[in-house]
PDB file of N, CA and C in Angstrom:
ATOM      1  N   MET A   1      22.664   5.329 -41.137  1.00  0.00           N
ATOM      2  CA  MET A   1      21.885   5.198 -39.920  1.00  0.00           C
ATOM      3  C   MET A   1      22.514   4.114 -39.050  1.00  0.00           C
ATOM      4  N   GLU A   2      22.767   4.454 -37.817  1.00  0.00           N
ATOM      5  CA  GLU A   2      23.423   3.533 -36.902  1.00  0.00           C
ATOM      6  C   GLU A   2      22.390   2.647 -36.211  1.00  0.00           C
ATOM      7  N   VAL A   3      22.669   1.365 -36.161  1.00  0.00           N
ATOM      8  CA  VAL A   3      21.777   0.403 -35.520  1.00  0.00           C
ATOM      9  C   VAL A   3      22.161   0.298 -34.052  1.00  0.00           C
ATOM     10  N   PRO A   4      21.196   0.462 -33.136  1.00  0.00           N
ATOM     11  CA  PRO A   4      21.515   0.348 -31.709  1.00  0.00           C
ATOM     12  C   PRO A   4      21.996  -1.051 -31.360  1.00  0.00           C
ATOM     13  N   ALA A   5      22.833  -1.119 -30.365  1.00  0.00           N
ATOM     14  CA  ALA A   5      23.375  -2.396 -29.928  1.00  0.00           C
ATOM     15  C   ALA A   5      22.295  -3.245 -29.283  1.00  0.00           C
ATOM     16  N   LEU A   6      22.565  -4.542 -29.250  1.00  0.00           N
ATOM     17  CA  LEU A   6      21.606  -5.487 -28.684  1.00  0.00           C
ATOM     18  C   LEU A   6      21.363  -5.226 -27.203  1.00  0.00           C
ATOM     19  N   ASP A   7      22.361  -4.729 -26.496  1.00  0.00           N
ATOM     20  CA  ASP A   7      22.192  -4.523 -25.049  1.00  0.00           C
ATOM     21  C   ASP A   7      21.182  -3.435 -24.722  1.00  0.00           C
ATOM     22  N   THR A   8      20.807  -2.600 -25.689  1.00  0.00           N
ATOM     23  CA  THR A   8      19.766  -1.611 -25.417  1.00  0.00           C
ATOM     24  C   THR A   8      18.380  -2.216 -25.546  1.00  0.00           C
ATOM     25  N   TYR A   9      18.235  -3.242 -26.360  1.00  0.00           N
ATOM     26  CA  TYR A   9      16.944  -3.885 -26.535  1.00  0.00           C
ATOM     27  C   TYR A   9      16.713  -5.046 -25.574  1.00  0.00           C
ATOM     28  N   LEU A  10      17.775  -5.666 -25.125  1.00  0.00           N
ATOM     29  CA  LEU A  10      17.654  -6.872 -24.315  1.00  0.00           C
ATOM     30  C   LEU A  10      16.883  -6.664 -23.012  1.00  0.00           C
ATOM     31  N   PRO A  11      17.160  -5.621 -22.211  1.00  0.00           N
ATOM     32  CA  PRO A  11      16.371  -5.445 -20.977  1.00  0.00           C
ATOM     33  C   PRO A  11      14.879  -5.252 -21.250  1.00  0.00           C
ATOM     34  N   THR A  12      14.546  -4.519 -22.288  1.00  0.00           N
ATOM     35  CA  THR A  12      13.143  -4.313 -22.631  1.00  0.00           C
ATOM     36  C   THR A  12      12.501  -5.624 -23.054  1.00  0.00           C
ATOM     37  N   PHE A  13      13.211  -6.400 -23.851  1.00  0.00           N
ATOM     38  CA  PHE A  13      12.692  -7.681 -24.313  1.00  0.00           C
ATOM     39  C   PHE A  13      12.490  -8.647 -23.150  1.00  0.00           C
ATOM     40  N   VAL A  14      13.412  -8.648 -22.184  1.00  0.00           N
ATOM     41  CA  VAL A  14      13.282  -9.526 -21.016  1.00  0.00           C
ATOM     42  C   VAL A  14      12.073  -9.109 -20.179  1.00  0.00           C
ATOM     43  N   ARG A  15      11.868  -7.798 -19.978  1.00  0.00           N
ATOM     44  CA  ARG A  15      10.686  -7.343 -19.232  1.00  0.00           C
ATOM     45  C   ARG A  15       9.404  -7.709 -19.971  1.00  0.00           C
ATOM     46  N   TRP A  16       9.425  -7.582 -21.299  1.00  0.00           N
ATOM     47  CA  TRP A  16       8.257  -7.940 -22.101  1.00  0.00           C
ATOM     48  C   TRP A  16       7.934  -9.416 -21.942  1.00  0.00           C
ATOM     49  N   LEU A  17       8.958 -10.260 -21.973  1.00  0.00           N
ATOM     50  CA  LEU A  17       8.744 -11.697 -21.772  1.00  0.00           C
ATOM     51  C   LEU A  17       8.242 -12.003 -20.361  1.00  0.00           C
ATOM     52  N   ALA A  18       8.757 -11.281 -19.361  1.00  0.00           N
ATOM     53  CA  ALA A  18       8.321 -11.509 -17.980  1.00  0.00           C
ATOM     54  C   ALA A  18       6.848 -11.140 -17.806  1.00  0.00           C
ATOM     55  N   VAL A  19       6.431 -10.016 -18.351  1.00  0.00           N
ATOM     56  CA  VAL A  19       5.025  -9.617 -18.241  1.00  0.00           C
ATOM     57  C   VAL A  19       4.135 -10.592 -18.995  1.00  0.00           C
ATOM     58  N   GLY A  20       4.539 -10.984 -20.191  1.00  0.00           N
ATOM     59  CA  GLY A  20       3.763 -11.967 -20.949  1.00  0.00           C
ATOM     60  C   GLY A  20       3.665 -13.292 -20.227  1.00  0.00           C
ATOM     61  N   GLY A  21       4.762 -13.726 -19.635  1.00  0.00           N
ATOM     62  CA  GLY A  21       4.745 -14.977 -18.871  1.00  0.00           C
ATOM     63  C   GLY A  21       3.860 -14.892 -17.645  1.00  0.00           C
ATOM     64  N   ALA A  22       3.889 -13.732 -16.972  1.00  0.00           N
ATOM     65  CA  ALA A  22       3.033 -13.559 -15.791  1.00  0.00           C
ATOM     66  C   ALA A  22       1.561 -13.572 -16.180  1.00  0.00           C
ATOM     67  N   ILE A  23       1.222 -12.954 -17.298  1.00  0.00           N
ATOM     68  CA  ILE A  23      -0.174 -12.953 -17.748  1.00  0.00           C
ATOM     69  C   ILE A  23      -0.612 -14.358 -18.140  1.00  0.00           C
ATOM     70  N   MET A  24       0.264 -15.087 -18.816  1.00  0.00           N
ATOM     71  CA  MET A  24      -0.077 -16.468 -19.180  1.00  0.00           C
ATOM     72  C   MET A  24      -0.231 -17.342 -17.945  1.00  0.00           C
ATOM     73  N   ALA A  25       0.659 -17.164 -16.958  1.00  0.00           N
ATOM     74  CA  ALA A  25       0.561 -17.937 -15.722  1.00  0.00           C
ATOM     75  C   ALA A  25      -0.733 -17.608 -14.983  1.00  0.00           C
ATOM     76  N   LEU A  26      -1.107 -16.327 -14.943  1.00  0.00           N
ATOM     77  CA  LEU A  26      -2.349 -15.930 -14.297  1.00  0.00           C
ATOM     78  C   LEU A  26      -3.553 -16.559 -14.988  1.00  0.00           C
ATOM     79  N   THR A  27      -3.515 -16.611 -16.311  1.00  0.00           N
ATOM     80  CA  THR A  27      -4.604 -17.222 -17.068  1.00  0.00           C
ATOM     81  C   THR A  27      -4.721 -18.708 -16.755  1.00  0.00           C
ATOM     82  N   VAL A  28      -3.590 -19.404 -16.757  1.00  0.00           N
ATOM     83  CA  VAL A  28      -3.601 -20.849 -16.475  1.00  0.00           C
ATOM     84  C   VAL A  28      -4.036 -21.112 -15.040  1.00  0.00           C
ATOM     85  N   LEU A  29      -3.521 -20.327 -14.093  1.00  0.00           N
ATOM     86  CA  LEU A  29      -3.891 -20.522 -12.688  1.00  0.00           C
ATOM     87  C   LEU A  29      -5.368 -20.213 -12.443  1.00  0.00           C
ATOM     88  N   THR A  30      -5.905 -19.218 -13.135  1.00  0.00           N
ATOM     89  CA  THR A  30      -7.332 -18.926 -13.009  1.00  0.00           C
ATOM     90  C   THR A  30      -8.161 -20.097 -13.507  1.00  0.00           C
ATOM     91  N   ASN A  31      -7.794 -20.622 -14.653  1.00  0.00           N
ATOM     92  CA  ASN A  31      -8.506 -21.766 -15.214  1.00  0.00           C
ATOM     93  C   ASN A  31      -8.434 -22.964 -14.267  1.00  0.00           C
ATOM     94  N   TYR A  32      -7.239 -23.280 -13.795  1.00  0.00           N
ATOM     95  CA  TYR A  32      -7.051 -24.423 -12.910  1.00  0.00           C
ATOM     96  C   TYR A  32      -7.784 -24.220 -11.581  1.00  0.00           C
ATOM     97  N   GLY A  33      -7.670 -23.025 -11.012  1.00  0.00           N
ATOM     98  CA  GLY A  33      -8.315 -22.767  -9.724  1.00  0.00           C
ATOM     99  C   GLY A  33      -9.831 -22.840  -9.800  1.00  0.00           C
ATOM    100  N   LEU A  34     -10.411 -22.297 -10.863  1.00  0.00           N
ATOM    101  CA  LEU A  34     -11.871 -22.358 -10.998  1.00  0.00           C
ATOM    102  C   LEU A  34     -12.350 -23.784 -11.226  1.00  0.00           C
ATOM    103  N   GLN A  35     -11.593 -24.576 -11.973  1.00  0.00           N
ATOM    104  CA  GLN A  35     -11.985 -25.972 -12.170  1.00  0.00           C
ATOM    105  C   GLN A  35     -11.905 -26.751 -10.869  1.00  0.00           C
ATOM    106  N   ARG A  36     -10.908 -26.434 -10.039  1.00  0.00           N
ATOM    107  CA  ARG A  36     -10.794 -27.094  -8.733  1.00  0.00           C
ATOM    108  C   ARG A  36     -11.953 -26.716  -7.811  1.00  0.00           C
ATOM    109  N   LEU A  37     -12.517 -25.529  -8.009  1.00  0.00           N
ATOM    110  CA  LEU A  37     -13.650 -25.092  -7.194  1.00  0.00           C
ATOM    111  C   LEU A  37     -14.977 -25.645  -7.696  1.00  0.00           C
ATOM    112  N   GLY A  38     -14.952 -26.383  -8.799  1.00  0.00           N
ATOM    113  CA  GLY A  38     -16.165 -27.008  -9.294  1.00  0.00           C
ATOM    114  C   GLY A  38     -16.859 -26.277 -10.419  1.00  0.00           C
ATOM    115  N   VAL A  39     -16.244 -25.244 -10.952  1.00  0.00           N
ATOM    116  CA  VAL A  39     -16.822 -24.519 -12.074  1.00  0.00           C
ATOM    117  C   VAL A  39     -16.612 -25.346 -13.329  1.00  0.00           C
ATOM    118  N   SER A  40     -17.580 -25.312 -14.237  1.00  0.00           N
ATOM    119  CA  SER A  40     -17.457 -26.126 -15.448  1.00  0.00           C
ATOM    120  C   SER A  40     -16.241 -25.717 -16.267  1.00  0.00           C
ATOM    121  N   ARG A  41     -15.787 -26.645 -17.083  1.00  0.00           N
ATOM    122  CA  ARG A  41     -14.583 -26.428 -17.878  1.00  0.00           C
ATOM    123  C   ARG A  41     -14.735 -25.231 -18.831  1.00  0.00           C
ATOM    124  N   GLU A  42     -15.865 -25.144 -19.485  1.00  0.00           N
ATOM    125  CA  GLU A  42     -16.104 -24.060 -20.446  1.00  0.00           C
ATOM    126  C   GLU A  42     -16.153 -22.697 -19.754  1.00  0.00           C
ATOM    127  N   THR A  43     -16.824 -22.643 -18.618  1.00  0.00           N
ATOM    128  CA  THR A  43     -16.934 -21.385 -17.877  1.00  0.00           C
ATOM    129  C   THR A  43     -15.587 -20.949 -17.317  1.00  0.00           C
ATOM    130  N   SER A  44     -14.822 -21.883 -16.776  1.00  0.00           N
ATOM    131  CA  SER A  44     -13.523 -21.529 -16.211  1.00  0.00           C
ATOM    132  C   SER A  44     -12.570 -21.042 -17.294  1.00  0.00           C
ATOM    133  N   ARG A  45     -12.633 -21.627 -18.474  1.00  0.00           N
ATOM    134  CA  ARG A  45     -11.783 -21.153 -19.573  1.00  0.00           C
ATOM    135  C   ARG A  45     -12.210 -19.767 -20.032  1.00  0.00           C
ATOM    136  N   GLY A  46     -13.502 -19.508 -20.036  1.00  0.00           N
ATOM    137  CA  GLY A  46     -13.979 -18.176 -20.403  1.00  0.00           C
ATOM    138  C   GLY A  46     -13.471 -17.113 -19.440  1.00  0.00           C
ATOM    139  N   TYR A  47     -13.564 -17.388 -18.140  1.00  0.00           N
ATOM    140  CA  TYR A  47     -13.059 -16.442 -17.147  1.00  0.00           C
ATOM    141  C   TYR A  47     -11.543 -16.288 -17.257  1.00  0.00           C
ATOM    142  N   ALA A  48     -10.850 -17.383 -17.512  1.00  0.00           N
ATOM    143  CA  ALA A  48      -9.396 -17.321 -17.638  1.00  0.00           C
ATOM    144  C   ALA A  48      -8.990 -16.469 -18.835  1.00  0.00           C
ATOM    145  N   LEU A  49      -9.731 -16.553 -19.919  1.00  0.00           N
ATOM    146  CA  LEU A  49      -9.370 -15.804 -21.116  1.00  0.00           C
ATOM    147  C   LEU A  49      -9.691 -14.312 -21.014  1.00  0.00           C
ATOM    148  N   ILE A  50     -10.622 -13.925 -20.145  1.00  0.00           N
ATOM    149  CA  ILE A  50     -10.862 -12.490 -19.971  1.00  0.00           C
ATOM    150  C   ILE A  50     -10.020 -11.912 -18.833  1.00  0.00           C
ATOM    151  N   MET A  51      -9.259 -12.763 -18.147  1.00  0.00           N
ATOM    152  CA  MET A  51      -8.427 -12.300 -17.035  1.00  0.00           C
ATOM    153  C   MET A  51      -7.402 -11.235 -17.457  1.00  0.00           C
ATOM    154  N   PRO A  52      -6.713 -11.346 -18.596  1.00  0.00           N
ATOM    155  CA  PRO A  52      -5.790 -10.265 -18.972  1.00  0.00           C
ATOM    156  C   PRO A  52      -6.494  -8.920 -19.139  1.00  0.00           C
ATOM    157  N   TRP A  53      -7.700  -8.917 -19.680  1.00  0.00           N
ATOM    158  CA  TRP A  53      -8.439  -7.667 -19.812  1.00  0.00           C
ATOM    159  C   TRP A  53      -8.797  -7.103 -18.443  1.00  0.00           C
ATOM    160  N   ILE A  54      -9.229  -7.971 -17.528  1.00  0.00           N
ATOM    161  CA  ILE A  54      -9.596  -7.524 -16.187  1.00  0.00           C
ATOM    162  C   ILE A  54      -8.392  -6.916 -15.479  1.00  0.00           C
ATOM    163  N   VAL A  55      -7.237  -7.575 -15.573  1.00  0.00           N
ATOM    164  CA  VAL A  55      -6.027  -7.045 -14.942  1.00  0.00           C
ATOM    165  C   VAL A  55      -5.659  -5.697 -15.561  1.00  0.00           C
ATOM    166  N   GLY A  56      -5.728  -5.592 -16.884  1.00  0.00           N
ATOM    167  CA  GLY A  56      -5.436  -4.323 -17.541  1.00  0.00           C
ATOM    168  C   GLY A  56      -6.403  -3.229 -17.121  1.00  0.00           C
ATOM    169  N   PHE A  57      -7.670  -3.570 -17.000  1.00  0.00           N
ATOM    170  CA  PHE A  57      -8.666  -2.589 -16.559  1.00  0.00           C
ATOM    171  C   PHE A  57      -8.354  -2.102 -15.151  1.00  0.00           C
ATOM    172  N   LEU A  58      -8.043  -3.038 -14.255  1.00  0.00           N
ATOM    173  CA  LEU A  58      -7.759  -2.649 -12.878  1.00  0.00           C
ATOM    174  C   LEU A  58      -6.522  -1.770 -12.783  1.00  0.00           C
ATOM    175  N   ILE A  59      -5.487  -2.091 -13.545  1.00  0.00           N
ATOM    176  CA  ILE A  59      -4.238  -1.343 -13.450  1.00  0.00           C
ATOM    177  C   ILE A  59      -4.333   0.009 -14.152  1.00  0.00           C
ATOM    178  N   PHE A  60      -4.882   0.033 -15.360  1.00  0.00           N
ATOM    179  CA  PHE A  60      -4.818   1.249 -16.175  1.00  0.00           C
ATOM    180  C   PHE A  60      -6.074   2.118 -16.117  1.00  0.00           C
ATOM    181  N   GLN A  61      -7.171   1.637 -15.562  1.00  0.00           N
ATOM    182  CA  GLN A  61      -8.393   2.438 -15.494  1.00  0.00           C
ATOM    183  C   GLN A  61      -8.841   2.672 -14.053  1.00  0.00           C
ATOM    184  N   LEU A  62      -9.077   1.606 -13.321  1.00  0.00           N
ATOM    185  CA  LEU A  62      -9.665   1.734 -11.994  1.00  0.00           C
ATOM    186  C   LEU A  62      -8.697   2.347 -10.983  1.00  0.00           C
ATOM    187  N   TYR A  63      -7.437   1.907 -10.972  1.00  0.00           N
ATOM    188  CA  TYR A  63      -6.474   2.451 -10.014  1.00  0.00           C
ATOM    189  C   TYR A  63      -6.252   3.952 -10.213  1.00  0.00           C
ATOM    190  N   PRO A  64      -5.988   4.439 -11.441  1.00  0.00           N
ATOM    191  CA  PRO A  64      -5.821   5.893 -11.589  1.00  0.00           C
ATOM    192  C   PRO A  64      -7.067   6.689 -11.205  1.00  0.00           C
ATOM    193  N   PHE A  65      -8.252   6.145 -11.523  1.00  0.00           N
ATOM    194  CA  PHE A  65      -9.485   6.834 -11.144  1.00  0.00           C
ATOM    195  C   PHE A  65      -9.611   6.925  -9.630  1.00  0.00           C
ATOM    196  N   ALA A  66      -9.390   5.817  -8.935  1.00  0.00           N
ATOM    197  CA  ALA A  66      -9.525   5.801  -7.479  1.00  0.00           C
ATOM    198  C   ALA A  66      -8.466   6.685  -6.820  1.00  0.00           C
ATOM    199  N   TYR A  67      -7.243   6.660  -7.340  1.00  0.00           N
ATOM    200  CA  TYR A  67      -6.189   7.466  -6.736  1.00  0.00           C
ATOM    201  C   TYR A  67      -6.428   8.957  -6.966  1.00  0.00           C
ATOM    202  N   SER A  68      -6.904   9.329  -8.131  1.00  0.00           N
ATOM    203  CA  SER A  68      -7.193  10.748  -8.366  1.00  0.00           C
ATOM    204  C   SER A  68      -8.370  11.203  -7.513  1.00  0.00           C
ATOM    205  N   PHE A  69      -9.343  10.319  -7.275  1.00  0.00           N
ATOM    206  CA  PHE A  69     -10.447  10.656  -6.377  1.00  0.00           C
ATOM    207  C   PHE A  69      -9.925  10.866  -4.960  1.00  0.00           C
ATOM    208  N   TYR A  70      -9.007  10.027  -4.523  1.00  0.00           N
ATOM    209  CA  TYR A  70      -8.388  10.202  -3.216  1.00  0.00           C
ATOM    210  C   TYR A  70      -7.627  11.530  -3.157  1.00  0.00           C
ATOM    211  N   LEU A  71      -6.851  11.837  -4.204  1.00  0.00           N
ATOM    212  CA  LEU A  71      -6.075  13.081  -4.215  1.00  0.00           C
ATOM    213  C   LEU A  71      -6.967  14.319  -4.210  1.00  0.00           C
ATOM    214  N   SER A  72      -8.207  14.194  -4.688  1.00  0.00           N
ATOM    215  CA  SER A  72      -9.097  15.350  -4.672  1.00  0.00           C
ATOM    216  C   SER A  72      -9.496  15.741  -3.252  1.00  0.00           C
ATOM    217  N   PHE A  73      -9.296  14.863  -2.298  1.00  0.00           N
ATOM    218  CA  PHE A  73      -9.586  15.159  -0.890  1.00  0.00           C
ATOM    219  C   PHE A  73      -8.328  15.523  -0.111  1.00  0.00           C
ATOM    220  N   THR A  74      -7.240  15.818  -0.808  1.00  0.00           N
ATOM    221  CA  THR A  74      -5.990  16.140  -0.127  1.00  0.00           C
ATOM    222  C   THR A  74      -5.454  17.480  -0.594  1.00  0.00           C
ATOM    223  N   GLU A  75      -4.553  18.027   0.203  1.00  0.00           N
ATOM    224  CA  GLU A  75      -3.751  19.180  -0.190  1.00  0.00           C
ATOM    225  C   GLU A  75      -2.451  18.594  -0.701  1.00  0.00           C
ATOM    226  N   TYR A  76      -2.219  18.739  -1.997  1.00  0.00           N
ATOM    227  CA  TYR A  76      -1.104  18.053  -2.628  1.00  0.00           C
ATOM    228  C   TYR A  76      -0.034  19.043  -3.030  1.00  0.00           C
ATOM    229  N   ASN A  77       1.178  18.763  -2.589  1.00  0.00           N
ATOM    230  CA  ASN A  77       2.351  19.530  -2.967  1.00  0.00           C
ATOM    231  C   ASN A  77       3.384  18.525  -3.443  1.00  0.00           C
ATOM    232  N   ILE A  78       4.038  18.793  -4.550  1.00  0.00           N
ATOM    233  CA  ILE A  78       4.952  17.815  -5.128  1.00  0.00           C
ATOM    234  C   ILE A  78       6.150  17.527  -4.224  1.00  0.00           C
ATOM    235  N   PHE A  79       6.476  18.435  -3.321  1.00  0.00           N
ATOM    236  CA  PHE A  79       7.622  18.260  -2.441  1.00  0.00           C
ATOM    237  C   PHE A  79       7.255  17.600  -1.113  1.00  0.00           C
ATOM    238  N   GLN A  80       5.974  17.431  -0.819  1.00  0.00           N
ATOM    239  CA  GLN A  80       5.533  16.829   0.432  1.00  0.00           C
ATOM    240  C   GLN A  80       4.466  15.781   0.134  1.00  0.00           C
ATOM    241  N   PRO A  81       4.291  14.822   1.021  1.00  0.00           N
ATOM    242  CA  PRO A  81       3.222  13.852   0.805  1.00  0.00           C
ATOM    243  C   PRO A  81       1.843  14.513   0.906  1.00  0.00           C
ATOM    244  N   PRO A  82       0.830  13.942   0.255  1.00  0.00           N
ATOM    245  CA  PRO A  82      -0.516  14.519   0.332  1.00  0.00           C
ATOM    246  C   PRO A  82      -1.034  14.531   1.768  1.00  0.00           C
ATOM    247  N   GLN A  83      -1.708  15.639   2.125  1.00  0.00           N
ATOM    248  CA  GLN A  83      -2.317  15.753   3.454  1.00  0.00           C
ATOM    249  C   GLN A  83      -3.831  15.796   3.283  1.00  0.00           C
ATOM    250  N   PHE A  84      -4.529  14.925   3.990  1.00  0.00           N
ATOM    251  CA  PHE A  84      -5.984  14.821   3.869  1.00  0.00           C
ATOM    252  C   PHE A  84      -6.648  16.067   4.443  1.00  0.00           C
ATOM    253  N   ILE A  85      -7.523  16.719   3.643  1.00  0.00           N
ATOM    254  CA  ILE A  85      -8.239  17.913   4.118  1.00  0.00           C
ATOM    255  C   ILE A  85      -9.746  17.769   3.942  1.00  0.00           C
ATOM    256  N   GLY A  86     -10.210  16.619   3.523  1.00  0.00           N
ATOM    257  CA  GLY A  86     -11.645  16.402   3.379  1.00  0.00           C
ATOM    258  C   GLY A  86     -12.214  17.074   2.148  1.00  0.00           C
ATOM    259  N   VAL A  87     -13.418  17.624   2.277  1.00  0.00           N
ATOM    260  CA  VAL A  87     -14.116  18.225   1.137  1.00  0.00           C
ATOM    261  C   VAL A  87     -13.772  19.699   0.940  1.00  0.00           C
ATOM    262  N   GLU A  88     -12.722  20.169   1.571  1.00  0.00           N
ATOM    263  CA  GLU A  88     -12.348  21.590   1.472  1.00  0.00           C
ATOM    264  C   GLU A  88     -12.064  22.002   0.026  1.00  0.00           C
ATOM    265  N   ASN A  89     -11.451  21.143  -0.768  1.00  0.00           N
ATOM    266  CA  ASN A  89     -11.199  21.475  -2.179  1.00  0.00           C
ATOM    267  C   ASN A  89     -12.508  21.691  -2.934  1.00  0.00           C
ATOM    268  N   TYR A  90     -13.488  20.832  -2.682  1.00  0.00           N
ATOM    269  CA  TYR A  90     -14.782  20.976  -3.359  1.00  0.00           C
ATOM    270  C   TYR A  90     -15.534  22.211  -2.852  1.00  0.00           C
ATOM    271  N   ARG A  91     -15.451  22.465  -1.564  1.00  0.00           N
ATOM    272  CA  ARG A  91     -16.099  23.653  -1.002  1.00  0.00           C
ATOM    273  C   ARG A  91     -15.494  24.910  -1.609  1.00  0.00           C
ATOM    274  N   GLU A  92     -14.177  24.940  -1.731  1.00  0.00           N
ATOM    275  CA  GLU A  92     -13.506  26.106  -2.323  1.00  0.00           C
ATOM    276  C   GLU A  92     -13.883  26.254  -3.798  1.00  0.00           C
ATOM    277  N   MET A  93     -13.968  25.155  -4.507  1.00  0.00           N
ATOM    278  CA  MET A  93     -14.301  25.212  -5.932  1.00  0.00           C
ATOM    279  C   MET A  93     -15.725  25.725  -6.148  1.00  0.00           C
ATOM    280  N   LEU A  94     -16.678  25.234  -5.370  1.00  0.00           N
ATOM    281  CA  LEU A  94     -18.071  25.608  -5.566  1.00  0.00           C
ATOM    282  C   LEU A  94     -18.410  26.977  -4.996  1.00  0.00           C
ATOM    283  N   ASN A  95     -17.683  27.439  -3.994  1.00  0.00           N
ATOM    284  CA  ASN A  95     -17.961  28.739  -3.396  1.00  0.00           C
ATOM    285  C   ASN A  95     -17.241  29.881  -4.094  1.00  0.00           C
ATOM    286  N   ASP A  96     -16.256  29.594  -4.906  1.00  0.00           N
ATOM    287  CA  ASP A  96     -15.549  30.638  -5.638  1.00  0.00           C
ATOM    288  C   ASP A  96     -16.372  30.996  -6.873  1.00  0.00           C
ATOM    289  N   THR A  97     -17.387  31.842  -6.670  1.00  0.00           N
ATOM    290  CA  THR A  97     -18.354  32.134  -7.731  1.00  0.00           C
ATOM    291  C   THR A  97     -17.771  32.941  -8.875  1.00  0.00           C
ATOM    292  N   ARG A  98     -16.657  33.609  -8.662  1.00  0.00           N
ATOM    293  CA  ARG A  98     -16.081  34.428  -9.728  1.00  0.00           C
ATOM    294  C   ARG A  98     -15.583  33.585 -10.892  1.00  0.00           C
ATOM    295  N   THR A  99     -15.111  32.379 -10.637  1.00  0.00           N
ATOM    296  CA  THR A  99     -14.532  31.593 -11.727  1.00  0.00           C
ATOM    297  C   THR A  99     -15.327  30.332 -12.058  1.00  0.00           C
ATOM    298  N   PHE A 100     -15.908  29.666 -11.066  1.00  0.00           N
ATOM    299  CA  PHE A 100     -16.532  28.369 -11.337  1.00  0.00           C
ATOM    300  C   PHE A 100     -17.885  28.496 -12.015  1.00  0.00           C
ATOM    301  N   TRP A 101     -18.807  29.237 -11.426  1.00  0.00           N
ATOM    302  CA  TRP A 101     -20.181  29.271 -11.937  1.00  0.00           C
ATOM    303  C   TRP A 101     -20.307  29.925 -13.333  1.00  0.00           C
ATOM    304  N   PRO A 102     -19.576  30.977 -13.651  1.00  0.00           N
ATOM    305  CA  PRO A 102     -19.682  31.492 -15.012  1.00  0.00           C
ATOM    306  C   PRO A 102     -19.149  30.524 -16.086  1.00  0.00           C
ATOM    307  N   SER A 103     -18.213  29.675 -15.664  1.00  0.00           N
ATOM    308  CA  SER A 103     -17.675  28.753 -16.667  1.00  0.00           C
ATOM    309  C   SER A 103     -18.687  27.657 -16.969  1.00  0.00           C
TER     310      SER A 103
END
């Protein structure tokens, strides 16, 4: 079994360190900023420690949900940018009684 060279792992490891460092910096800055605003030390540390979860939630849950909701109001073609058409997709889905209502 051949072992991959270090240069294949190094870029991934550097990105991993950069993301970890950014999350740690965000945590420290949240703690420091809340303490400067007059929030108690215990409360500011609590908010700082849940900050990585909040960022993960916003990136991996809320953004995809909001973007897919936006795309549901567009005519989407992979070769062209989405064009806003309003509730026409929902009107077509609910009025097409042959396939939607029996399902």
